[in-house]
Amino acid sequence: MAVLYHLGQFPPADLDLAQLFPLVGPANAAVARYEGVLSGIPNPNVLLSPLTAQEAVLSSRIEGTQATLGEVLEFEAAGVTDDESTPKKADIREVLNYRAALHEAVRLMAEGLPLSQRLIKAAHRVLMDGVRGRNKDPGEYRRIPNWIGTEGCTIEQARFVPCGADDLPGCMNAWESYIHADAPDRLVQLAIVHAEFEAIHPFLDGNGRLGRLVIPLFLHTHGLLSQPNFYLSEYLEAHRAEYYDRLLAISRDGDWTGWVAFFLRAVAAQAEVNIGKARAILKLHEELRNWIVEATHSQYGVRALDWMFVHPIFSTSDFIQSADIPGPTARGIVRKLREHGMLRELVAASGRRSAVFAFAELLNIAEGREAF
């Protein structure tokens, strides 16, 4: 029998603070340590760009996509504009849309729009643009029931049934108010914010990804992070079964405490992973800044390096066109970086098609393994 949404039980009236207290301090301390690393990175939006792309990959993988970071960036580098649709291309486009939705939300917040329903709807429009689900009212709340279960199941066979369409506006108003309410602990509040969004399931598609996108936006909104660069999907994807079970137990058993405890453990563990990756990326950038000018004998060496941190897989033609470096110099830089082993050729040049290169060491840090 389907579990029904916990109407009238948000926000939770009581949490088992004795169970949560040992987890609150370590989670907050881990986030604070990560913020210390983040604030020391001169341009986090440049240097941490590969981690943002990897977050998009993993958040989408939780929903069933199979694309890897390398496949997504190689597809983007190739500049494919055809409308041919294969399952792999559809997966890749969903990942790229997730990253674009995050960037759109960050842009709107920088312009003064708070974390709100209006911002969420704007991000959803970008998330659903031109991909599976684009016919499901992008940027608009659903006006019909939806349910979660095996593909093709009826509402009676569903695992979970979110709130009804008639209740949805009131539920989302309460959710938005709670985001900006005072709270004894912001990470506990964030756990509840994320879970409630997933339980309401306000859109016909894209709810899981959008709910995870809210996490870094909330941390930035409440000053826990100077930049909305926090990547939790790696932990959630690795613990997917428990992630879903803990969310379901909220409506089934009223177990908000179990969910919040899981979330706090996730934040503490992932913050340490994020710290390691951010430090490794910063160290790599510092080492290469000193090396690249000598290796390329070019005043444009550092500019090329920064560009490649944002585009760790790229085509030669794209580098020449968008790196703001004279063409002959740009070609020479790519050739020398390949000779020195910093770049690996993924696709050889053929006819009018440019070669595609990978910045392997950076990509391996983002993936957390030797993927290249």
Protein backbone atom coordinates (compact mmCIF):
# COMPACT_ATOMS: atom_id res chain seq x y z
CA MET A 1 0.00 0.00 0.00
CA ALA A 2 1.31 3.42 -0.97
CA VAL A 3 2.68 5.76 1.68
CA LEU A 4 0.83 9.09 1.58
CA TYR A 5 2.32 12.56 2.10
CA HIS A 6 2.36 13.73 5.72
CA LEU A 7 -0.21 16.53 5.31
CA GLY A 8 -0.33 18.85 8.32
CA GLN A 9 2.87 17.50 9.89
CA PHE A 10 5.36 20.06 8.56
CA PRO A 11 7.51 21.39 10.06
CA PRO A 12 8.10 18.55 12.52
CA ALA A 13 6.78 19.35 15.99
CA ASP A 14 9.45 17.42 17.83
CA LEU A 15 12.83 15.91 17.04
CA ASP A 16 14.87 13.59 19.24
CA LEU A 17 17.54 16.13 20.10
CA ALA A 18 19.47 13.65 22.22
CA GLN A 19 19.96 11.50 19.13
CA LEU A 20 20.87 14.48 16.93
CA PHE A 21 23.10 16.42 19.30
CA PRO A 22 26.23 14.27 18.76
CA LEU A 23 25.86 14.77 14.98
CA VAL A 24 25.14 18.50 14.82
CA GLY A 25 28.55 19.67 16.03
CA PRO A 26 30.68 17.51 13.69
CA ALA A 27 28.54 18.38 10.68
CA ASN A 28 28.77 22.12 11.33
CA ALA A 29 32.49 21.88 12.03
CA ALA A 30 33.05 20.03 8.74
CA VAL A 31 31.11 22.65 6.79
CA ALA A 32 33.09 25.41 8.54
CA ARG A 33 36.36 23.72 7.59
CA TYR A 34 35.20 23.44 4.00
CA GLU A 35 34.25 27.12 3.99
CA GLY A 36 37.74 27.91 5.26
CA VAL A 37 39.19 26.13 2.22
CA LEU A 38 36.60 27.66 -0.11
CA SER A 39 37.31 31.22 1.07
CA GLY A 40 41.01 30.69 0.37
CA ILE A 41 40.44 29.80 -3.28
CA PRO A 42 41.00 32.92 -5.39
CA ASN A 43 38.29 32.16 -7.95
CA PRO A 44 36.17 29.20 -6.82
CA ASN A 45 33.80 29.40 -9.78
CA VAL A 46 36.81 28.78 -12.04
CA LEU A 47 38.82 26.30 -10.01
CA LEU A 48 35.87 24.29 -8.74
CA SER A 49 34.08 24.17 -12.09
CA PRO A 50 34.91 20.45 -12.55
CA LEU A 51 33.36 19.65 -9.16
CA THR A 52 30.18 21.48 -10.15
CA ALA A 53 30.05 19.39 -13.33
CA GLN A 54 30.61 16.20 -11.32
CA GLU A 55 27.79 17.18 -8.93
CA ALA A 56 25.48 17.52 -11.94
CA VAL A 57 26.54 14.05 -13.12
CA LEU A 58 25.96 12.38 -9.75
CA SER A 59 22.68 14.16 -8.91
CA SER A 60 21.34 13.08 -12.30
CA ARG A 61 22.67 9.53 -11.79
CA ILE A 62 20.53 9.20 -8.66
CA GLU A 63 17.55 9.60 -11.02
CA GLY A 64 18.82 6.87 -13.34
CA THR A 65 21.06 8.57 -15.92
CA GLN A 66 24.23 6.70 -16.89
CA ALA A 67 26.48 9.47 -18.23
CA THR A 68 29.99 9.94 -16.83
CA LEU A 69 31.78 13.23 -16.27
CA GLY A 70 34.10 12.47 -19.17
CA GLU A 71 31.22 11.71 -21.53
CA VAL A 72 29.39 14.90 -20.57
CA LEU A 73 32.42 17.15 -21.04
CA GLU A 74 33.49 15.43 -24.25
CA PHE A 75 29.97 15.83 -25.66
CA GLU A 76 30.05 19.52 -24.72
CA ALA A 77 33.53 19.96 -26.21
CA ALA A 78 32.45 18.38 -29.49
CA GLY A 79 29.75 21.06 -29.81
CA VAL A 80 27.13 18.59 -31.00
CA THR A 81 24.08 20.48 -32.25
CA ASP A 82 22.16 17.72 -34.06
CA ASP A 83 18.76 16.59 -32.82
CA GLU A 84 19.62 12.90 -32.90
CA SER A 85 18.39 11.40 -29.67
CA THR A 86 19.98 8.34 -28.17
CA PRO A 87 19.59 7.31 -24.52
CA LYS A 88 23.18 8.40 -23.86
CA LYS A 89 22.72 11.82 -25.46
CA ALA A 90 19.47 12.29 -23.55
CA ASP A 91 21.29 11.50 -20.30
CA ILE A 92 24.09 13.93 -21.14
CA ARG A 93 21.69 16.75 -21.97
CA GLU A 94 19.95 16.27 -18.63
CA VAL A 95 23.28 16.59 -16.82
CA LEU A 96 24.17 19.75 -18.75
CA ASN A 97 20.75 21.20 -17.90
CA TYR A 98 21.28 20.52 -14.20
CA ARG A 99 24.51 22.50 -14.27
CA ALA A 100 22.80 25.28 -16.25
CA ALA A 101 19.92 25.37 -13.73
CA LEU A 102 22.38 25.78 -10.87
CA HIS A 103 24.14 28.61 -12.70
CA GLU A 104 20.79 30.30 -13.39
CA ALA A 105 19.79 30.08 -9.73
CA VAL A 106 23.14 31.52 -8.63
CA ARG A 107 22.79 34.34 -11.17
CA LEU A 108 19.32 35.23 -9.93
CA MET A 109 20.47 35.20 -6.30
CA ALA A 110 23.37 37.48 -7.19
CA GLU A 111 20.81 39.88 -8.68
CA GLY A 112 18.89 39.93 -5.39
CA LEU A 113 16.24 37.25 -5.83
CA PRO A 114 16.04 35.23 -2.59
CA LEU A 115 15.83 31.47 -2.39
CA SER A 116 12.12 31.22 -3.08
CA GLN A 117 9.40 29.59 -5.14
CA ARG A 118 10.01 32.09 -7.91
CA LEU A 119 13.68 31.14 -8.07
CA ILE A 120 12.87 27.41 -7.97
CA LYS A 121 10.44 27.78 -10.87
CA ALA A 122 13.05 29.66 -12.90
CA ALA A 123 15.63 26.94 -12.25
CA HIS A 124 13.08 24.27 -13.19
CA ARG A 125 12.47 25.91 -16.57
CA VAL A 126 16.19 25.62 -17.32
CA LEU A 127 16.39 22.08 -15.95
CA MET A 128 13.62 20.85 -18.26
CA ASP A 129 14.59 22.81 -21.37
CA GLY A 130 14.75 20.51 -24.39
CA VAL A 131 15.07 17.23 -22.46
CA ARG A 132 12.84 14.37 -21.34
CA GLY A 133 10.07 16.01 -19.35
CA ARG A 134 10.03 19.23 -21.39
CA ASN A 135 6.34 18.55 -22.11
CA LYS A 136 5.61 18.45 -18.39
CA ASP A 137 5.01 22.17 -17.72
CA PRO A 138 8.56 23.46 -17.07
CA GLY A 139 8.51 26.13 -14.39
CA GLU A 140 4.91 25.37 -13.38
CA TYR A 141 3.60 23.38 -10.47
CA ARG A 142 1.67 20.25 -11.35
CA ARG A 143 -2.10 20.43 -11.43
CA ILE A 144 -2.63 16.68 -11.32
CA PRO A 145 -1.54 13.91 -8.91
CA ASN A 146 1.83 12.25 -9.27
CA TRP A 147 3.33 9.25 -7.53
CA ILE A 148 6.62 7.44 -7.09
CA GLY A 149 7.07 3.76 -7.81
CA THR A 150 8.15 1.27 -10.44
CA GLU A 151 7.73 2.40 -14.03
CA GLY A 152 4.15 2.05 -15.21
CA CYS A 153 2.67 1.41 -11.77
CA THR A 154 -0.74 2.77 -10.79
CA ILE A 155 -1.24 5.17 -7.90
CA GLU A 156 -2.48 2.23 -5.82
CA GLN A 157 0.77 0.35 -6.55
CA ALA A 158 3.00 3.35 -5.85
CA ARG A 159 5.67 3.45 -3.18
CA PHE A 160 4.86 7.06 -2.25
CA VAL A 161 2.14 9.55 -3.15
CA PRO A 162 3.12 13.23 -2.70
CA CYS A 163 0.67 15.90 -1.61
CA GLY A 164 -2.42 16.45 -3.74
CA ALA A 165 -2.47 19.19 -6.36
CA ASP A 166 -5.08 21.16 -4.37
CA ASP A 167 -2.84 21.19 -1.30
CA LEU A 168 0.33 21.96 -3.22
CA PRO A 169 0.24 25.81 -3.18
CA GLY A 170 -0.24 25.88 0.59
CA CYS A 171 2.48 23.29 1.13
CA MET A 172 4.95 25.24 -1.00
CA ASN A 173 4.11 28.50 0.78
CA ALA A 174 4.83 26.82 4.11
CA TRP A 175 8.07 25.38 2.68
CA GLU A 176 9.25 28.80 1.48
CA SER A 177 8.40 30.43 4.83
CA TYR A 178 10.32 27.75 6.70
CA ILE A 179 13.47 28.36 4.60
CA HIS A 180 13.69 31.87 6.02
CA ALA A 181 12.48 31.14 9.55
CA ASP A 182 14.77 31.29 12.57
CA ALA A 183 16.13 27.89 13.53
CA PRO A 184 18.36 26.55 16.33
CA ASP A 185 20.61 24.88 13.77
CA ARG A 186 20.80 25.63 10.05
CA LEU A 187 21.92 22.15 8.97
CA VAL A 188 18.99 20.53 10.78
CA GLN A 189 16.76 23.11 9.10
CA LEU A 190 18.32 22.29 5.71
CA ALA A 191 17.70 18.58 6.20
CA ILE A 192 14.03 19.34 6.80
CA VAL A 193 13.88 21.78 3.83
CA HIS A 194 15.30 19.19 1.45
CA ALA A 195 13.09 16.36 2.64
CA GLU A 196 9.93 18.46 2.53
CA PHE A 197 10.59 19.57 -1.05
CA GLU A 198 11.04 15.95 -2.13
CA ALA A 199 7.88 14.91 -0.27
CA ILE A 200 5.76 17.67 -1.83
CA HIS A 201 7.13 16.83 -5.31
CA PRO A 202 5.72 20.07 -6.76
CA PHE A 203 6.63 19.43 -10.42
CA LEU A 204 5.75 16.62 -12.78
CA ASP A 205 9.44 15.87 -13.31
CA GLY A 206 12.85 16.97 -12.06
CA ASN A 207 11.97 17.16 -8.35
CA GLY A 208 14.89 15.08 -7.07
CA ARG A 209 17.53 17.06 -8.92
CA LEU A 210 15.95 20.38 -7.99
CA GLY A 211 15.69 19.41 -4.34
CA ARG A 212 19.41 18.59 -4.27
CA LEU A 213 20.20 21.84 -6.05
CA VAL A 214 18.53 23.67 -3.15
CA ILE A 215 21.20 22.37 -0.74
CA PRO A 216 24.13 24.63 -1.80
CA LEU A 217 21.75 27.55 -2.35
CA PHE A 218 20.47 27.25 1.23
CA LEU A 219 24.01 27.04 2.66
CA HIS A 220 24.93 30.21 0.77
CA THR A 221 21.69 32.01 1.68
CA HIS A 222 22.27 31.53 5.40
CA GLY A 223 25.96 32.39 5.31
CA LEU A 224 27.40 28.95 5.98
CA LEU A 225 29.22 29.19 2.63
CA SER A 226 30.57 32.26 0.86
CA GLN A 227 29.83 30.57 -2.49
CA PRO A 228 27.12 28.00 -3.29
CA ASN A 229 29.73 25.33 -4.05
CA PHE A 230 28.80 22.30 -1.96
CA TYR A 231 28.53 18.87 -3.51
CA LEU A 232 26.43 16.31 -1.61
CA SER A 233 25.23 14.00 -4.41
CA GLU A 234 28.34 11.81 -4.25
CA TYR A 235 27.34 10.62 -0.77
CA LEU A 236 23.64 10.41 -1.62
CA GLU A 237 24.32 8.40 -4.77
CA ALA A 238 26.59 6.01 -2.86
CA HIS A 239 23.87 5.55 -0.19
CA ARG A 240 20.90 5.77 -2.53
CA ALA A 241 18.81 3.03 -0.92
CA GLU A 242 19.11 4.52 2.57
CA TYR A 243 18.54 8.02 1.15
CA TYR A 244 15.18 6.98 -0.29
CA ASP A 245 14.23 4.83 2.71
CA ARG A 246 14.91 7.66 5.18
CA LEU A 247 12.81 10.08 3.11
CA LEU A 248 9.95 7.57 2.90
CA ALA A 249 10.04 6.93 6.66
CA ILE A 250 9.14 10.58 7.30
CA SER A 251 5.64 10.17 5.86
CA ARG A 252 5.26 6.47 6.74
CA ASP A 253 6.45 6.57 10.35
CA GLY A 254 6.79 10.25 11.23
CA ASP A 255 10.53 9.59 11.55
CA TRP A 256 11.96 13.04 10.92
CA THR A 257 14.77 12.38 13.41
CA GLY A 258 16.12 9.38 11.48
CA TRP A 259 16.15 11.41 8.28
CA VAL A 260 17.90 14.41 9.89
CA ALA A 261 20.52 12.11 11.44
CA PHE A 262 21.22 10.55 8.04
CA PHE A 263 21.50 13.99 6.45
CA LEU A 264 23.90 15.30 9.10
CA ARG A 265 26.14 12.26 8.65
CA ALA A 266 26.03 12.82 4.89
CA VAL A 267 27.03 16.48 5.21
CA ALA A 268 29.88 15.72 7.62
CA ALA A 269 31.30 12.93 5.45
CA GLN A 270 30.90 14.75 2.14
CA ALA A 271 32.36 17.99 3.49
CA GLU A 272 35.60 16.13 4.24
CA VAL A 273 35.65 14.69 0.71
CA ASN A 274 34.95 18.16 -0.72
CA ILE A 275 37.80 19.60 1.37
CA GLY A 276 40.21 17.02 -0.01
CA LYS A 277 39.17 17.65 -3.59
CA ALA A 278 39.20 21.45 -3.24
CA ARG A 279 42.67 21.39 -1.67
CA ALA A 280 43.98 19.06 -4.36
CA ILE A 281 42.59 21.31 -7.10
CA LEU A 282 44.04 24.45 -5.48
CA LYS A 283 47.42 22.74 -5.09
CA LEU A 284 47.38 21.60 -8.71
CA HIS A 285 46.55 25.11 -9.89
CA GLU A 286 49.31 26.70 -7.81
CA GLU A 287 51.89 24.21 -9.06
CA LEU A 288 50.89 24.62 -12.69
CA ARG A 289 50.77 28.44 -12.51
CA ASN A 290 54.47 28.41 -11.73
CA TRP A 291 55.23 25.74 -14.30
CA ILE A 292 53.13 26.71 -17.30
CA VAL A 293 54.85 29.98 -18.20
CA GLU A 294 58.19 28.19 -18.44
CA ALA A 295 56.69 25.20 -20.24
CA THR A 296 54.93 27.30 -22.88
CA HIS A 297 57.30 30.31 -22.99
CA SER A 298 54.16 32.42 -23.28
CA GLN A 299 52.72 35.37 -21.42
CA TYR A 300 49.31 33.73 -22.04
CA GLY A 301 50.18 30.57 -20.13
CA VAL A 302 48.22 31.37 -16.96
CA ARG A 303 45.20 32.56 -18.96
CA ALA A 304 45.25 29.26 -20.84
CA LEU A 305 45.49 27.35 -17.57
CA ASP A 306 42.50 29.12 -16.02
CA TRP A 307 40.48 28.48 -19.17
CA MET A 308 41.31 24.77 -19.04
CA PHE A 309 40.21 24.52 -15.40
CA VAL A 310 36.75 25.56 -16.56
CA HIS A 311 36.94 23.40 -19.72
CA PRO A 312 38.95 20.31 -18.72
CA ILE A 313 37.85 18.59 -21.94
CA PHE A 314 37.92 20.84 -24.97
CA SER A 315 38.41 21.02 -28.71
CA THR A 316 41.32 22.96 -30.15
CA SER A 317 38.95 25.15 -32.15
CA ASP A 318 36.95 26.09 -29.04
CA PHE A 319 40.13 27.01 -27.17
CA ILE A 320 41.32 29.18 -30.05
CA GLN A 321 37.93 30.90 -30.39
CA SER A 322 37.11 31.58 -26.74
CA ALA A 323 40.30 31.72 -24.67
CA ASP A 324 41.15 35.27 -25.84
CA ILE A 325 44.61 34.19 -26.97
CA PRO A 326 45.98 34.80 -30.49
CA GLY A 327 45.37 31.77 -32.70
CA PRO A 328 48.98 30.77 -33.46
CA THR A 329 49.90 31.19 -29.80
CA ALA A 330 46.90 29.14 -28.68
CA ARG A 331 47.86 26.29 -31.03
CA GLY A 332 51.41 26.41 -29.75
CA ILE A 333 50.27 26.24 -26.12
CA VAL A 334 48.12 23.18 -26.78
CA ARG A 335 50.96 21.46 -28.62
CA LYS A 336 53.45 22.11 -25.81
CA LEU A 337 51.04 21.06 -23.05
CA ARG A 338 50.40 17.84 -24.92
CA GLU A 339 54.13 17.23 -25.31
CA HIS A 340 54.64 17.81 -21.58
CA GLY A 341 51.84 15.36 -20.74
CA MET A 342 49.44 17.84 -19.14
CA LEU A 343 46.91 17.25 -21.92
CA ARG A 344 45.83 13.91 -23.32
CA GLU A 345 44.36 13.63 -26.81
CA LEU A 346 40.95 11.97 -26.68
CA VAL A 347 39.92 12.46 -30.31
CA ALA A 348 42.38 13.05 -33.13
CA ALA A 349 41.81 15.86 -35.62
CA SER A 350 40.11 14.67 -38.79
CA GLY A 351 39.26 16.86 -41.76
CA ARG A 352 37.46 19.91 -40.42
CA ARG A 353 36.98 18.34 -37.01
CA SER A 354 39.33 19.63 -34.34
CA ALA A 355 41.19 17.40 -31.93
CA VAL A 356 39.67 16.99 -28.45
CA PHE A 357 41.95 17.06 -25.38
CA ALA A 358 41.50 16.15 -21.71
CA PHE A 359 43.16 17.74 -18.68
CA ALA A 360 43.48 14.31 -17.10
CA GLU A 361 44.95 15.17 -13.69
CA LEU A 362 42.19 17.68 -12.92
CA LEU A 363 39.45 15.32 -14.09
CA ASN A 364 40.79 12.51 -11.91
CA ILE A 365 40.58 14.77 -8.85
CA ALA A 366 36.96 15.64 -9.67
CA GLU A 367 36.03 11.99 -10.23
CA GLY A 368 37.90 10.84 -7.13
CA ARG A 369 39.55 8.05 -9.09
CA GLU A 370 41.89 7.36 -12.02
CA ALA A 371 39.30 7.82 -14.76
CA PHE A 372 41.64 9.26 -17.41
